[in-house]
């Protein structure tokens, strides 16, 4: 079995924690950060499985296999 390391961002929203994998645009949620991360992992694995079945694996592959990824903060003005 091959493994890939992707990014997970988690934040609190009302009474839940939202989790997002920005490389794939896959999101999930949970009652706490650990559950949100576990649910995101499951959602990403299902997304990748479906990508193979739907024939779009080559479209998502670069996001998974890229040797260079950078994560940073971005400050924006709010009106």
Protein backbone atom coordinates (compact mmCIF):
# COMPACT_ATOMS: atom_id res chain seq x y z
CA UNK A 1 0.00 0.00 0.00
CA UNK A 2 1.31 3.43 -0.95
CA UNK A 3 0.87 6.45 1.30
CA UNK A 4 0.77 10.19 0.65
CA UNK A 5 1.09 13.12 3.03
CA UNK A 6 -1.45 15.87 2.47
CA UNK A 7 -2.37 19.04 4.38
CA UNK A 8 -5.22 19.26 6.88
CA UNK A 9 -6.55 22.58 8.15
CA UNK A 10 -8.98 22.52 11.07
CA UNK A 11 -10.96 25.38 12.58
CA UNK A 12 -13.89 25.82 14.92
CA UNK A 13 -17.20 26.90 13.42
CA UNK A 14 -20.13 27.31 15.82
CA UNK A 15 -20.35 24.02 17.74
CA UNK A 16 -18.32 21.89 15.30
CA UNK A 17 -14.80 21.67 13.94
CA UNK A 18 -14.40 21.92 10.17
CA UNK A 19 -11.51 20.13 8.46
CA UNK A 20 -10.21 20.79 4.96
CA UNK A 21 -7.63 19.18 2.67
CA UNK A 22 -6.71 22.16 0.46
CA UNK A 23 -4.82 20.11 -2.13
CA UNK A 24 -8.01 18.28 -3.09
CA UNK A 25 -10.73 20.65 -1.90
CA UNK A 26 -12.19 17.93 0.32
CA UNK A 27 -13.82 18.96 3.60
CA UNK A 28 -15.44 17.28 6.58
CA UNK A 29 -16.26 18.05 10.21
CA UNK A 30 -16.42 16.62 13.70
CA UNK A 31 -17.27 17.40 17.32
CA UNK A 32 -13.60 17.95 18.20
CA UNK A 33 -10.34 18.39 16.26
CA UNK A 34 -9.43 14.70 16.45
CA UNK A 35 -12.80 13.60 15.09
CA UNK A 36 -12.68 16.29 12.38
CA UNK A 37 -9.26 14.98 11.29
CA UNK A 38 -10.42 11.34 11.32
CA UNK A 39 -13.49 12.24 9.27
CA UNK A 40 -11.34 14.20 6.81
CA UNK A 41 -8.99 11.24 6.38
CA UNK A 42 -11.96 9.01 5.56
CA UNK A 43 -13.39 11.59 3.15
CA UNK A 44 -10.04 12.01 1.35
CA UNK A 45 -9.57 8.24 1.02
CA UNK A 46 -13.08 7.89 -0.44
CA UNK A 47 -12.45 10.83 -2.79
CA UNK A 48 -9.24 9.23 -4.08
CA UNK A 49 -10.93 5.86 -4.49
CA UNK A 50 -13.72 7.52 -6.50
CA UNK A 51 -11.18 9.49 -8.55
CA UNK A 52 -9.77 6.19 -9.80
CA UNK A 53 -13.22 4.76 -10.51
CA UNK A 54 -14.35 7.90 -12.35
CA UNK A 55 -11.20 8.12 -14.41
CA UNK A 56 -10.04 11.46 -13.00
CA UNK A 57 -7.02 10.08 -11.14
CA UNK A 58 -4.60 11.83 -13.50
CA UNK A 59 -6.27 15.16 -12.67
CA UNK A 60 -5.72 14.82 -8.90
CA UNK A 61 -2.39 12.99 -9.04
CA UNK A 62 -0.18 16.14 -9.31
CA UNK A 63 -1.61 17.51 -6.05
CA UNK A 64 -0.73 14.26 -4.30
CA UNK A 65 2.66 13.55 -5.83
CA UNK A 66 4.14 17.06 -5.99
CA UNK A 67 7.50 17.07 -4.19
CA UNK A 68 7.14 20.78 -3.33
CA UNK A 69 4.34 22.11 -1.14
CA UNK A 70 4.31 25.31 0.83
CA UNK A 71 1.90 26.29 3.59
CA UNK A 72 1.75 29.83 4.90
CA UNK A 73 -0.57 32.44 6.32
CA UNK A 74 -2.16 35.09 4.16
CA UNK A 75 -3.31 38.42 5.58
CA UNK A 76 -6.16 40.13 3.73
CA UNK A 77 -8.14 43.30 4.29
CA UNK A 78 -11.72 42.91 5.49
CA UNK A 79 -14.25 45.53 4.45
